């Protein structure tokens, strides 16, 4: 006769899983901020700093709190310092949709780094 008693999990399973998720989220948030830096429009550096100060690492939300961040995100023409449309021959990465462009370029690298932390 076979008796099935059910499945038992480690009593610390949920706590350990949440801790690992939190560590992975912190890694992803900080890496995304770091890799976005060369893409963020730059005049005085305040917008870049507002991303650092406005983001709670581990929350899963990257927030640029400068009052002009939203128009810059959608409307920046990339003509400024290290801009992507500079007319003087130097091409950079800074301009509109900076987070989406960073993600297109570096998403796999960010996820790979988060995975490597937990091997």
Protein backbone atom coordinates (compact mmCIF):
# COMPACT_ATOMS: atom_id res chain seq x y z
CA UNK A 1 0.00 0.00 0.00
CA UNK A 2 1.28 3.47 -0.89
CA UNK A 3 0.56 6.49 1.20
CA UNK A 4 0.80 10.00 -0.19
CA UNK A 5 1.56 12.57 2.44
CA UNK A 6 1.87 15.59 0.16
CA UNK A 7 4.68 17.87 -0.81
CA UNK A 8 6.57 19.80 1.77
CA UNK A 9 8.62 22.84 1.05
CA UNK A 10 11.48 24.31 2.95
CA UNK A 11 9.89 26.61 5.52
CA UNK A 12 12.22 29.41 4.36
CA UNK A 13 11.36 28.95 0.67
CA UNK A 14 9.20 32.07 0.33
CA UNK A 15 11.60 34.29 2.26
CA UNK A 16 14.57 33.06 0.20
CA UNK A 17 12.69 33.46 -3.10
CA UNK A 18 11.63 37.01 -2.20
CA UNK A 19 15.18 37.89 -1.16
CA UNK A 20 16.56 36.61 -4.46
CA UNK A 21 13.90 38.49 -6.42
CA UNK A 22 14.71 41.69 -4.53
CA UNK A 23 18.43 41.29 -5.22
CA UNK A 24 17.75 40.66 -8.92
CA UNK A 25 15.48 43.72 -9.13
CA UNK A 26 18.13 45.91 -7.48
CA UNK A 27 20.72 44.66 -9.95
CA UNK A 28 18.43 45.36 -12.92
CA UNK A 29 17.47 48.84 -11.67
CA UNK A 30 21.01 49.97 -10.99
CA UNK A 31 22.31 48.50 -14.24
CA UNK A 32 19.52 50.16 -16.25
CA UNK A 33 20.29 53.54 -14.66
CA UNK A 34 24.01 53.12 -15.28
CA UNK A 35 23.55 52.12 -18.91
CA UNK A 36 21.00 54.91 -19.54
CA UNK A 37 23.51 57.58 -18.54
CA UNK A 38 25.08 58.08 -22.01
CA UNK A 39 21.60 58.33 -23.59
CA UNK A 40 20.05 60.96 -21.27
CA UNK A 41 19.95 64.49 -22.75
CA UNK A 42 22.59 66.60 -21.05
CA UNK A 43 22.88 70.32 -20.61
CA UNK A 44 23.66 70.85 -16.93
CA UNK A 45 23.45 67.26 -15.70
CA UNK A 46 20.35 67.85 -13.57
CA UNK A 47 18.17 65.46 -15.55
CA UNK A 48 20.69 62.67 -15.11
CA UNK A 49 20.89 63.45 -11.38
CA UNK A 50 17.09 63.50 -11.12
CA UNK A 51 17.04 59.92 -12.39
CA UNK A 52 19.47 58.85 -9.70
CA UNK A 53 17.70 60.71 -6.90
CA UNK A 54 14.17 59.92 -8.12
CA UNK A 55 14.67 56.17 -8.38
CA UNK A 56 14.35 53.78 -5.49
CA UNK A 57 16.72 50.96 -6.40
CA UNK A 58 14.81 47.69 -6.17
CA UNK A 59 11.37 49.19 -6.80
CA UNK A 60 11.33 48.28 -10.49
CA UNK A 61 10.54 51.89 -11.45
CA UNK A 62 13.12 54.28 -12.86
CA UNK A 63 11.85 57.82 -12.51
CA UNK A 64 13.37 61.05 -13.76
CA UNK A 65 11.90 63.76 -11.52
CA UNK A 66 13.16 66.90 -13.27
CA UNK A 67 10.16 69.04 -14.28
CA UNK A 68 11.28 69.01 -17.91
CA UNK A 69 12.01 65.27 -18.09
CA UNK A 70 8.79 64.27 -19.87
CA UNK A 71 9.09 66.79 -22.73
CA UNK A 72 12.78 65.97 -23.07
CA UNK A 73 11.99 62.25 -23.26
CA UNK A 74 9.56 62.69 -26.15
CA UNK A 75 10.70 65.86 -27.92
CA UNK A 76 14.49 66.18 -27.55
CA UNK A 77 16.05 66.55 -30.99
CA UNK A 78 19.49 65.27 -29.99
CA UNK A 79 21.34 68.45 -30.99
CA UNK A 80 23.01 69.10 -27.63
CA UNK A 81 26.20 67.88 -26.02
CA UNK A 82 26.95 64.37 -27.32
CA UNK A 83 23.60 64.42 -29.13
CA UNK A 84 22.70 61.82 -31.70
CA UNK A 85 21.96 64.46 -34.37
CA UNK A 86 24.88 66.85 -33.88
CA UNK A 87 25.67 68.90 -36.96
CA UNK A 88 29.38 69.29 -36.28
CA UNK A 89 30.19 65.72 -37.26
CA UNK A 90 30.33 64.19 -33.80
CA UNK A 91 27.52 61.75 -33.17
CA UNK A 92 26.50 60.67 -29.70
CA UNK A 93 23.66 58.79 -28.07
CA UNK A 94 21.81 61.54 -26.20
CA UNK A 95 18.30 62.39 -27.35
CA UNK A 96 14.61 61.47 -27.24
CA UNK A 97 13.35 58.06 -26.10
CA UNK A 98 16.64 57.53 -24.30
CA UNK A 99 15.42 54.67 -22.07
CA UNK A 100 13.84 52.75 -24.95
CA UNK A 101 16.97 53.13 -27.06
CA UNK A 102 19.17 52.01 -24.16
CA UNK A 103 16.92 49.01 -23.60
CA UNK A 104 17.10 48.06 -27.28
CA UNK A 105 20.91 48.19 -27.11
CA UNK A 106 21.53 46.64 -23.68
CA UNK A 107 18.52 44.61 -22.50
CA UNK A 108 20.26 41.26 -22.98
CA UNK A 109 23.38 42.47 -21.16
CA UNK A 110 21.32 43.69 -18.19
CA UNK A 111 19.40 40.42 -17.91
CA UNK A 112 22.60 38.39 -18.29
CA UNK A 113 24.22 40.33 -15.46
CA UNK A 114 21.21 39.71 -13.20
CA UNK A 115 21.33 35.98 -14.02
CA UNK A 116 25.08 35.76 -13.37
CA UNK A 117 24.58 37.13 -9.87
CA UNK A 118 22.54 34.09 -8.92
CA UNK A 119 24.52 31.22 -10.40
